[in-house]
Amino acid sequence: MNPVRDHSFMHYVYLLKSKTNDKWYTGSTDNLRKRLKEHNDGKSAWTRKGIPWMLIYYEASYDKNDTRSRELYLKSGMGKRYLKNRLRRFLSLTG
């Protein structure tokens, strides 16, 4: 098993930023590339209005429950502050 090549056992929490309206969306998945494509293809009602989306941050974990807990945290007020601090340089570059 090679964790760099075999991502089938990984779970991801991710942050998208809309190129249209600068809104953020936080979600989780076990297939990050497929999920990003689904968001940009309009297959999610929550993100349809913000197309196109770009992936600006993600975390990987072996445990689905840990990933879900992290997603809920990042959606909270404290989690949003954490992300803004974590991405401060990126956000200043993108406006």
PDB file of N, CA and C in Angstrom:
ATOM      1  N   MET A   1       0.854  -1.173   0.000  1.00  0.00           N
ATOM      2  CA  MET A   1       0.000   0.000   0.000  1.00  0.00           C
ATOM      3  C   MET A   1       0.900   1.237   0.000  1.00  0.00           C
ATOM      4  N   ASN A   2       0.696   2.114  -0.955  1.00  0.00           N
ATOM      5  CA  ASN A   2       1.468   3.348  -1.072  1.00  0.00           C
ATOM      6  C   ASN A   2       0.529   4.534  -0.846  1.00  0.00           C
ATOM      7  N   PRO A   3       0.638   5.240   0.286  1.00  0.00           N
ATOM      8  CA  PRO A   3      -0.293   6.334   0.588  1.00  0.00           C
ATOM      9  C   PRO A   3      -0.206   7.497  -0.393  1.00  0.00           C
ATOM     10  N   VAL A   4       0.909   7.617  -1.100  1.00  0.00           N
ATOM     11  CA  VAL A   4       1.040   8.706  -2.066  1.00  0.00           C
ATOM     12  C   VAL A   4       0.268   8.390  -3.345  1.00  0.00           C
ATOM     13  N   ARG A   5       0.267   7.132  -3.750  1.00  0.00           N
ATOM     14  CA  ARG A   5      -0.390   6.746  -5.003  1.00  0.00           C
ATOM     15  C   ARG A   5      -1.803   6.207  -4.820  1.00  0.00           C
ATOM     16  N   ASP A   6      -2.043   5.520  -3.718  1.00  0.00           N
ATOM     17  CA  ASP A   6      -3.344   4.897  -3.488  1.00  0.00           C
ATOM     18  C   ASP A   6      -4.147   5.741  -2.514  1.00  0.00           C
ATOM     19  N   HIS A   7      -5.030   6.574  -3.053  1.00  0.00           N
ATOM     20  CA  HIS A   7      -5.831   7.476  -2.222  1.00  0.00           C
ATOM     21  C   HIS A   7      -7.202   6.896  -1.885  1.00  0.00           C
ATOM     22  N   SER A   8      -7.453   5.650  -2.243  1.00  0.00           N
ATOM     23  CA  SER A   8      -8.782   5.085  -2.065  1.00  0.00           C
ATOM     24  C   SER A   8      -9.180   4.954  -0.600  1.00  0.00           C
ATOM     25  N   PHE A   9      -8.232   4.975   0.298  1.00  0.00           N
ATOM     26  CA  PHE A   9      -8.549   4.837   1.712  1.00  0.00           C
ATOM     27  C   PHE A   9      -8.527   6.168   2.447  1.00  0.00           C
ATOM     28  N   MET A  10      -8.279   7.249   1.732  1.00  0.00           N
ATOM     29  CA  MET A  10      -8.200   8.563   2.351  1.00  0.00           C
ATOM     30  C   MET A  10      -9.561   9.265   2.321  1.00  0.00           C
ATOM     31  N   HIS A  11      -9.762  10.122   3.300  1.00  0.00           N
ATOM     32  CA  HIS A  11     -10.960  10.952   3.378  1.00  0.00           C
ATOM     33  C   HIS A  11     -10.483  12.393   3.495  1.00  0.00           C
ATOM     34  N   TYR A  12     -11.204  13.285   2.865  1.00  0.00           N
ATOM     35  CA  TYR A  12     -10.764  14.672   2.767  1.00  0.00           C
ATOM     36  C   TYR A  12     -11.825  15.633   3.251  1.00  0.00           C
ATOM     37  N   VAL A  13     -11.405  16.677   3.920  1.00  0.00           N
ATOM     38  CA  VAL A  13     -12.246  17.840   4.180  1.00  0.00           C
ATOM     39  C   VAL A  13     -11.613  18.948   3.348  1.00  0.00           C
ATOM     40  N   TYR A  14     -12.448  19.730   2.678  1.00  0.00           N
ATOM     41  CA  TYR A  14     -11.915  20.684   1.707  1.00  0.00           C
ATOM     42  C   TYR A  14     -12.645  22.010   1.773  1.00  0.00           C
ATOM     43  N   LEU A  15     -11.969  23.026   1.256  1.00  0.00           N
ATOM     44  CA  LEU A  15     -12.530  24.364   1.186  1.00  0.00           C
ATOM     45  C   LEU A  15     -12.453  24.843  -0.256  1.00  0.00           C
ATOM     46  N   LEU A  16     -13.588  25.245  -0.782  1.00  0.00           N
ATOM     47  CA  LEU A  16     -13.656  25.795  -2.128  1.00  0.00           C
ATOM     48  C   LEU A  16     -13.929  27.289  -2.043  1.00  0.00           C
ATOM     49  N   LYS A  17     -13.455  28.002  -3.032  1.00  0.00           N
ATOM     50  CA  LYS A  17     -13.764  29.426  -3.153  1.00  0.00           C
ATOM     51  C   LYS A  17     -14.344  29.654  -4.538  1.00  0.00           C
ATOM     52  N   SER A  18     -15.470  30.347  -4.585  1.00  0.00           N
ATOM     53  CA  SER A  18     -16.116  30.641  -5.854  1.00  0.00           C
ATOM     54  C   SER A  18     -15.352  31.736  -6.583  1.00  0.00           C
ATOM     55  N   LYS A  19     -15.091  31.526  -7.853  1.00  0.00           N
ATOM     56  CA  LYS A  19     -14.457  32.557  -8.672  1.00  0.00           C
ATOM     57  C   LYS A  19     -15.481  33.608  -9.099  1.00  0.00           C
ATOM     58  N   THR A  20     -16.761  33.298  -8.931  1.00  0.00           N
ATOM     59  CA  THR A  20     -17.836  34.197  -9.327  1.00  0.00           C
ATOM     60  C   THR A  20     -18.198  35.195  -8.240  1.00  0.00           C
ATOM     61  N   ASN A  21     -18.426  34.681  -7.018  1.00  0.00           N
ATOM     62  CA  ASN A  21     -18.921  35.560  -5.956  1.00  0.00           C
ATOM     63  C   ASN A  21     -18.063  35.546  -4.681  1.00  0.00           C
ATOM     64  N   ASP A  22     -16.898  34.921  -4.718  1.00  0.00           N
ATOM     65  CA  ASP A  22     -15.959  34.859  -3.590  1.00  0.00           C
ATOM     66  C   ASP A  22     -16.507  34.152  -2.347  1.00  0.00           C
ATOM     67  N   LYS A  23     -17.616  33.433  -2.474  1.00  0.00           N
ATOM     68  CA  LYS A  23     -18.151  32.661  -1.347  1.00  0.00           C
ATOM     69  C   LYS A  23     -17.266  31.438  -1.124  1.00  0.00           C
ATOM     70  N   TRP A  24     -17.324  30.906   0.098  1.00  0.00           N
ATOM     71  CA  TRP A  24     -16.595  29.703   0.456  1.00  0.00           C
ATOM     72  C   TRP A  24     -17.573  28.560   0.660  1.00  0.00           C
ATOM     73  N   TYR A  25     -17.093  27.349   0.404  1.00  0.00           N
ATOM     74  CA  TYR A  25     -17.876  26.146   0.668  1.00  0.00           C
ATOM     75  C   TYR A  25     -16.949  25.110   1.290  1.00  0.00           C
ATOM     76  N   THR A  26     -17.365  24.533   2.395  1.00  0.00           N
ATOM     77  CA  THR A  26     -16.606  23.489   3.077  1.00  0.00           C
ATOM     78  C   THR A  26     -17.366  22.180   2.970  1.00  0.00           C
ATOM     79  N   GLY A  27     -16.662  21.113   2.612  1.00  0.00           N
ATOM     80  CA  GLY A  27     -17.290  19.807   2.485  1.00  0.00           C
ATOM     81  C   GLY A  27     -16.306  18.699   2.780  1.00  0.00           C
ATOM     82  N   SER A  28     -16.763  17.456   2.639  1.00  0.00           N
ATOM     83  CA  SER A  28     -15.881  16.309   2.834  1.00  0.00           C
ATOM     84  C   SER A  28     -16.223  15.240   1.809  1.00  0.00           C
ATOM     85  N   THR A  29     -15.240  14.417   1.493  1.00  0.00           N
ATOM     86  CA  THR A  29     -15.401  13.391   0.469  1.00  0.00           C
ATOM     87  C   THR A  29     -14.300  12.357   0.593  1.00  0.00           C
ATOM     88  N   ASP A  30     -14.453  11.246  -0.119  1.00  0.00           N
ATOM     89  CA  ASP A  30     -13.364  10.271  -0.202  1.00  0.00           C
ATOM     90  C   ASP A  30     -12.717  10.301  -1.596  1.00  0.00           C
ATOM     91  N   ASN A  31     -13.214  11.187  -2.475  1.00  0.00           N
ATOM     92  CA  ASN A  31     -12.619  11.348  -3.807  1.00  0.00           C
ATOM     93  C   ASN A  31     -12.631  12.839  -4.152  1.00  0.00           C
ATOM     94  N   LEU A  32     -11.552  13.506  -3.848  1.00  0.00           N
ATOM     95  CA  LEU A  32     -11.492  14.958  -3.948  1.00  0.00           C
ATOM     96  C   LEU A  32     -11.614  15.458  -5.385  1.00  0.00           C
ATOM     97  N   ARG A  33     -10.916  14.836  -6.310  1.00  0.00           N
ATOM     98  CA  ARG A  33     -10.982  15.282  -7.713  1.00  0.00           C
ATOM     99  C   ARG A  33     -12.387  15.130  -8.292  1.00  0.00           C
ATOM    100  N   LYS A  34     -13.001  13.985  -8.010  1.00  0.00           N
ATOM    101  CA  LYS A  34     -14.358  13.744  -8.512  1.00  0.00           C
ATOM    102  C   LYS A  34     -15.340  14.750  -7.905  1.00  0.00           C
ATOM    103  N   ARG A  35     -15.194  15.022  -6.614  1.00  0.00           N
ATOM    104  CA  ARG A  35     -16.123  15.934  -5.937  1.00  0.00           C
ATOM    105  C   ARG A  35     -15.985  17.355  -6.461  1.00  0.00           C
ATOM    106  N   LEU A  36     -14.752  17.815  -6.699  1.00  0.00           N
ATOM    107  CA  LEU A  36     -14.546  19.146  -7.258  1.00  0.00           C
ATOM    108  C   LEU A  36     -15.192  19.248  -8.638  1.00  0.00           C
ATOM    109  N   LYS A  37     -15.039  18.214  -9.438  1.00  0.00           N
ATOM    110  CA  LYS A  37     -15.669  18.201 -10.767  1.00  0.00           C
ATOM    111  C   LYS A  37     -17.189  18.263 -10.646  1.00  0.00           C
ATOM    112  N   GLU A  38     -17.761  17.535  -9.696  1.00  0.00           N
ATOM    113  CA  GLU A  38     -19.211  17.571  -9.483  1.00  0.00           C
ATOM    114  C   GLU A  38     -19.672  18.975  -9.107  1.00  0.00           C
ATOM    115  N   HIS A  39     -18.915  19.643  -8.238  1.00  0.00           N
ATOM    116  CA  HIS A  39     -19.277  21.019  -7.871  1.00  0.00           C
ATOM    117  C   HIS A  39     -19.245  21.919  -9.110  1.00  0.00           C
ATOM    118  N   ASN A  40     -18.221  21.793  -9.917  1.00  0.00           N
ATOM    119  CA  ASN A  40     -18.088  22.665 -11.088  1.00  0.00           C
ATOM    120  C   ASN A  40     -19.007  22.266 -12.241  1.00  0.00           C
ATOM    121  N   ASP A  41     -19.545  21.063 -12.204  1.00  0.00           N
ATOM    122  CA  ASP A  41     -20.532  20.633 -13.200  1.00  0.00           C
ATOM    123  C   ASP A  41     -21.959  20.965 -12.778  1.00  0.00           C
ATOM    124  N   GLY A  42     -22.126  21.601 -11.623  1.00  0.00           N
ATOM    125  CA  GLY A  42     -23.444  22.008 -11.154  1.00  0.00           C
ATOM    126  C   GLY A  42     -24.262  20.888 -10.547  1.00  0.00           C
ATOM    127  N   LYS A  43     -23.636  19.811 -10.094  1.00  0.00           N
ATOM    128  CA  LYS A  43     -24.359  18.660  -9.550  1.00  0.00           C
ATOM    129  C   LYS A  43     -24.711  18.805  -8.074  1.00  0.00           C
ATOM    130  N   SER A  44     -24.292  19.908  -7.462  1.00  0.00           N
ATOM    131  CA  SER A  44     -24.634  20.175  -6.069  1.00  0.00           C
ATOM    132  C   SER A  44     -25.475  21.444  -6.007  1.00  0.00           C
ATOM    133  N   ALA A  45     -26.665  21.335  -5.437  1.00  0.00           N
ATOM    134  CA  ALA A  45     -27.543  22.504  -5.333  1.00  0.00           C
ATOM    135  C   ALA A  45     -26.905  23.604  -4.482  1.00  0.00           C
ATOM    136  N   TRP A  46     -26.104  23.222  -3.481  1.00  0.00           N
ATOM    137  CA  TRP A  46     -25.482  24.193  -2.583  1.00  0.00           C
ATOM    138  C   TRP A  46     -24.443  25.050  -3.285  1.00  0.00           C
ATOM    139  N   THR A  47     -23.807  24.522  -4.310  1.00  0.00           N
ATOM    140  CA  THR A  47     -22.697  25.249  -4.939  1.00  0.00           C
ATOM    141  C   THR A  47     -22.980  25.649  -6.386  1.00  0.00           C
ATOM    142  N   ARG A  48     -24.139  25.351  -6.870  1.00  0.00           N
ATOM    143  CA  ARG A  48     -24.467  25.608  -8.278  1.00  0.00           C
ATOM    144  C   ARG A  48     -24.302  27.084  -8.656  1.00  0.00           C
ATOM    145  N   LYS A  49     -24.696  27.977  -7.761  1.00  0.00           N
ATOM    146  CA  LYS A  49     -24.659  29.414  -8.083  1.00  0.00           C
ATOM    147  C   LYS A  49     -23.259  29.999  -8.095  1.00  0.00           C
ATOM    148  N   GLY A  50     -22.280  29.300  -7.535  1.00  0.00           N
ATOM    149  CA  GLY A  50     -20.939  29.858  -7.445  1.00  0.00           C
ATOM    150  C   GLY A  50     -19.951  29.366  -8.491  1.00  0.00           C
ATOM    151  N   ILE A  51     -20.415  28.605  -9.455  1.00  0.00           N
ATOM    152  CA  ILE A  51     -19.527  28.037 -10.469  1.00  0.00           C
ATOM    153  C   ILE A  51     -18.824  29.150 -11.223  1.00  0.00           C
ATOM    154  N   PRO A  52     -17.537  29.035 -11.472  1.00  0.00           N
ATOM    155  CA  PRO A  52     -16.623  27.934 -11.162  1.00  0.00           C
ATOM    156  C   PRO A  52     -16.023  28.063  -9.759  1.00  0.00           C
ATOM    157  N   TRP A  53     -15.674  26.917  -9.189  1.00  0.00           N
ATOM    158  CA  TRP A  53     -15.062  26.829  -7.874  1.00  0.00           C
ATOM    159  C   TRP A  53     -13.598  26.432  -8.004  1.00  0.00           C
ATOM    160  N   MET A  54     -12.778  26.928  -7.080  1.00  0.00           N
ATOM    161  CA  MET A  54     -11.396  26.473  -7.030  1.00  0.00           C
ATOM    162  C   MET A  54     -11.112  25.928  -5.636  1.00  0.00           C
ATOM    163  N   LEU A  55     -10.343  24.869  -5.613  1.00  0.00           N
ATOM    164  CA  LEU A  55      -9.939  24.256  -4.360  1.00  0.00           C
ATOM    165  C   LEU A  55      -8.823  25.102  -3.763  1.00  0.00           C
ATOM    166  N   ILE A  56      -9.035  25.607  -2.538  1.00  0.00           N
ATOM    167  CA  ILE A  56      -8.006  26.446  -1.936  1.00  0.00           C
ATOM    168  C   ILE A  56      -7.383  25.814  -0.690  1.00  0.00           C
ATOM    169  N   TYR A  57      -7.993  24.736  -0.168  1.00  0.00           N
ATOM    170  CA  TYR A  57      -7.452  24.125   1.042  1.00  0.00           C
ATOM    171  C   TYR A  57      -8.065  22.746   1.208  1.00  0.00           C
ATOM    172  N   TYR A  58      -7.266  21.791   1.684  1.00  0.00           N
ATOM    173  CA  TYR A  58      -7.824  20.498   2.058  1.00  0.00           C
ATOM    174  C   TYR A  58      -6.961  19.841   3.115  1.00  0.00           C
ATOM    175  N   GLU A  59      -7.556  18.925   3.853  1.00  0.00           N
ATOM    176  CA  GLU A  59      -6.875  18.095   4.839  1.00  0.00           C
ATOM    177  C   GLU A  59      -7.265  16.659   4.550  1.00  0.00           C
ATOM    178  N   ALA A  60      -6.339  15.731   4.755  1.00  0.00           N
ATOM    179  CA  ALA A  60      -6.592  14.315   4.507  1.00  0.00           C
ATOM    180  C   ALA A  60      -6.493  13.533   5.804  1.00  0.00           C
ATOM    181  N   SER A  61      -7.298  12.479   5.895  1.00  0.00           N
ATOM    182  CA  SER A  61      -7.306  11.631   7.078  1.00  0.00           C
ATOM    183  C   SER A  61      -7.640  10.206   6.666  1.00  0.00           C
ATOM    184  N   TYR A  62      -7.196   9.258   7.464  1.00  0.00           N
ATOM    185  CA  TYR A  62      -7.545   7.863   7.228  1.00  0.00           C
ATOM    186  C   TYR A  62      -8.943   7.529   7.747  1.00  0.00           C
ATOM    187  N   ASP A  63      -9.426   8.314   8.683  1.00  0.00           N
ATOM    188  CA  ASP A  63     -10.671   7.992   9.376  1.00  0.00           C
ATOM    189  C   ASP A  63     -11.811   8.897   8.933  1.00  0.00           C
ATOM    190  N   LYS A  64     -12.877   8.300   8.449  1.00  0.00           N
ATOM    191  CA  LYS A  64     -14.028   9.058   7.957  1.00  0.00           C
ATOM    192  C   LYS A  64     -14.675   9.886   9.069  1.00  0.00           C
ATOM    193  N   ASN A  65     -14.759   9.340  10.264  1.00  0.00           N
ATOM    194  CA  ASN A  65     -15.371  10.065  11.376  1.00  0.00           C
ATOM    195  C   ASN A  65     -14.541  11.285  11.774  1.00  0.00           C
ATOM    196  N   ASP A  66     -13.218  11.146  11.741  1.00  0.00           N
ATOM    197  CA  ASP A  66     -12.357  12.294  12.024  1.00  0.00           C
ATOM    198  C   ASP A  66     -12.566  13.385  10.980  1.00  0.00           C
ATOM    199  N   THR A  67     -12.693  12.978   9.737  1.00  0.00           N
ATOM    200  CA  THR A  67     -12.899  13.937   8.654  1.00  0.00           C
ATOM    201  C   THR A  67     -14.217  14.670   8.836  1.00  0.00           C
ATOM    202  N   ARG A  68     -15.254  13.944   9.167  1.00  0.00           N
ATOM    203  CA  ARG A  68     -16.573  14.565   9.369  1.00  0.00           C
ATOM    204  C   ARG A  68     -16.547  15.532  10.550  1.00  0.00           C
ATOM    205  N   SER A  69     -15.879  15.152  11.624  1.00  0.00           N
ATOM    206  CA  SER A  69     -15.757  16.042  12.779  1.00  0.00           C
ATOM    207  C   SER A  69     -14.992  17.308  12.416  1.00  0.00           C
ATOM    208  N   ARG A  70     -13.938  17.142  11.634  1.00  0.00           N
ATOM    209  CA  ARG A  70     -13.148  18.301  11.214  1.00  0.00           C
ATOM    210  C   ARG A  70     -13.970  19.210  10.309  1.00  0.00           C
ATOM    211  N   GLU A  71     -14.785  18.624   9.437  1.00  0.00           N
ATOM    212  CA  GLU A  71     -15.663  19.427   8.578  1.00  0.00           C
ATOM    213  C   GLU A  71     -16.611  20.270   9.423  1.00  0.00           C
ATOM    214  N   LEU A  72     -17.232  19.658  10.407  1.00  0.00           N
ATOM    215  CA  LEU A  72     -18.159  20.394  11.269  1.00  0.00           C
ATOM    216  C   LEU A  72     -17.441  21.513  12.020  1.00  0.00           C
ATOM    217  N   TYR A  73     -16.214  21.256  12.473  1.00  0.00           N
ATOM    218  CA  TYR A  73     -15.447  22.290  13.153  1.00  0.00           C
ATOM    219  C   TYR A  73     -15.148  23.448  12.199  1.00  0.00           C
ATOM    220  N   LEU A  74     -14.688  23.130  10.976  1.00  0.00           N
ATOM    221  CA  LEU A  74     -14.328  24.189  10.031  1.00  0.00           C
ATOM    222  C   LEU A  74     -15.535  25.011   9.587  1.00  0.00           C
ATOM    223  N   LYS A  75     -16.718  24.470   9.737  1.00  0.00           N
ATOM    224  CA  LYS A  75     -17.938  25.211   9.412  1.00  0.00           C
ATOM    225  C   LYS A  75     -18.402  26.088  10.577  1.00  0.00           C
ATOM    226  N   SER A  76     -17.827  25.893  11.755  1.00  0.00           N
ATOM    227  CA  SER A  76     -18.209  26.681  12.930  1.00  0.00           C
ATOM    228  C   SER A  76     -17.517  28.038  12.887  1.00  0.00           C
ATOM    229  N   GLY A  77     -17.911  28.926  13.765  1.00  0.00           N
ATOM    230  CA  GLY A  77     -17.285  30.245  13.844  1.00  0.00           C
ATOM    231  C   GLY A  77     -15.793  30.164  14.122  1.00  0.00           C
ATOM    232  N   MET A  78     -15.411  29.314  15.057  1.00  0.00           N
ATOM    233  CA  MET A  78     -13.985  29.164  15.372  1.00  0.00           C
ATOM    234  C   MET A  78     -13.226  28.551  14.198  1.00  0.00           C
ATOM    235  N   GLY A  79     -13.860  27.616  13.522  1.00  0.00           N
ATOM    236  CA  GLY A  79     -13.229  26.984  12.370  1.00  0.00           C
ATOM    237  C   GLY A  79     -13.029  27.959  11.220  1.00  0.00           C
ATOM    238  N   LYS A  80     -14.002  28.816  10.998  1.00  0.00           N
ATOM    239  CA  LYS A  80     -13.875  29.830   9.944  1.00  0.00           C
ATOM    240  C   LYS A  80     -12.752  30.811  10.275  1.00  0.00           C
ATOM    241  N   ARG A  81     -12.620  31.178  11.539  1.00  0.00           N
ATOM    242  CA  ARG A  81     -11.508  32.046  11.948  1.00  0.00           C
ATOM    243  C   ARG A  81     -10.171  31.345  11.734  1.00  0.00           C
ATOM    244  N   TYR A  82     -10.122  30.037  12.073  1.00  0.00           N
ATOM    245  CA  TYR A  82      -8.907  29.259  11.862  1.00  0.00           C
ATOM    246  C   TYR A  82      -8.514  29.292  10.380  1.00  0.00           C
ATOM    247  N   LEU A  83      -9.468  29.059   9.502  1.00  0.00           N
ATOM    248  CA  LEU A  83      -9.173  29.038   8.066  1.00  0.00           C
ATOM    249  C   LEU A  83      -8.713  30.413   7.575  1.00  0.00           C
ATOM    250  N   LYS A  84      -9.358  31.462   8.030  1.00  0.00           N
ATOM    251  CA  LYS A  84      -8.947  32.811   7.608  1.00  0.00           C
ATOM    252  C   LYS A  84      -7.525  33.111   8.059  1.00  0.00           C
ATOM    253  N   ASN A  85      -7.170  32.702   9.272  1.00  0.00           N
ATOM    254  CA  ASN A  85      -5.800  32.894   9.744  1.00  0.00           C
ATOM    255  C   ASN A  85      -4.827  32.007   8.977  1.00  0.00           C
ATOM    256  N   ARG A  86      -5.218  30.774   8.740  1.00  0.00           N
ATOM    257  CA  ARG A  86      -4.360  29.815   8.038  1.00  0.00           C
ATOM    258  C   ARG A  86      -4.092  30.252   6.600  1.00  0.00           C
ATOM    259  N   LEU A  87      -5.090  30.858   5.980  1.00  0.00           N
ATOM    260  CA  LEU A  87      -5.009  31.237   4.561  1.00  0.00           C
ATOM    261  C   LEU A  87      -4.757  32.734   4.366  1.00  0.00           C
ATOM    262  N   ARG A  88      -4.308  33.410   5.390  1.00  0.00           N
ATOM    263  CA  ARG A  88      -4.135  34.869   5.347  1.00  0.00           C
ATOM    264  C   ARG A  88      -3.313  35.318   4.141  1.00  0.00           C
ATOM    265  N   ARG A  89      -2.177  34.708   3.893  1.00  0.00           N
ATOM    266  CA  ARG A  89      -1.334  35.121   2.765  1.00  0.00           C
ATOM    267  C   ARG A  89      -2.025  34.868   1.434  1.00  0.00           C
ATOM    268  N   PHE A  90      -2.640  33.702   1.301  1.00  0.00           N
ATOM    269  CA  PHE A  90      -3.358  33.383   0.064  1.00  0.00           C
ATOM    270  C   PHE A  90      -4.476  34.389  -0.182  1.00  0.00           C
ATOM    271  N   LEU A  91      -5.245  34.682   0.848  1.00  0.00           N
ATOM    272  CA  LEU A  91      -6.369  35.597   0.680  1.00  0.00           C
ATOM    273  C   LEU A  91      -5.915  36.997   0.340  1.00  0.00           C
ATOM    274  N   SER A  92      -4.781  37.434   0.874  1.00  0.00           N
ATOM    275  CA  SER A  92      -4.285  38.777   0.535  1.00  0.00           C
ATOM    276  C   SER A  92      -3.799  38.825  -0.907  1.00  0.00           C
ATOM    277  N   LEU A  93      -3.336  37.712  -1.451  1.00  0.00           N
ATOM    278  CA  LEU A  93      -2.888  37.679  -2.849  1.00  0.00           C
ATOM    279  C   LEU A  93      -4.053  37.665  -3.830  1.00  0.00           C
ATOM    280  N   THR A  94      -5.160  37.064  -3.408  1.00  0.00           N
ATOM    281  CA  THR A  94      -6.305  36.924  -4.316  1.00  0.00           C
ATOM    282  C   THR A  94      -7.345  38.028  -4.116  1.00  0.00           C
ATOM    283  N   GLY A  95      -7.139  38.866  -3.146  1.00  0.00           N
ATOM    284  CA  GLY A  95      -8.091  39.956  -2.906  1.00  0.00           C
ATOM    285  C   GLY A  95      -9.205  39.468  -2.111  1.00  0.00           C
TER     286      GLY A  95
END
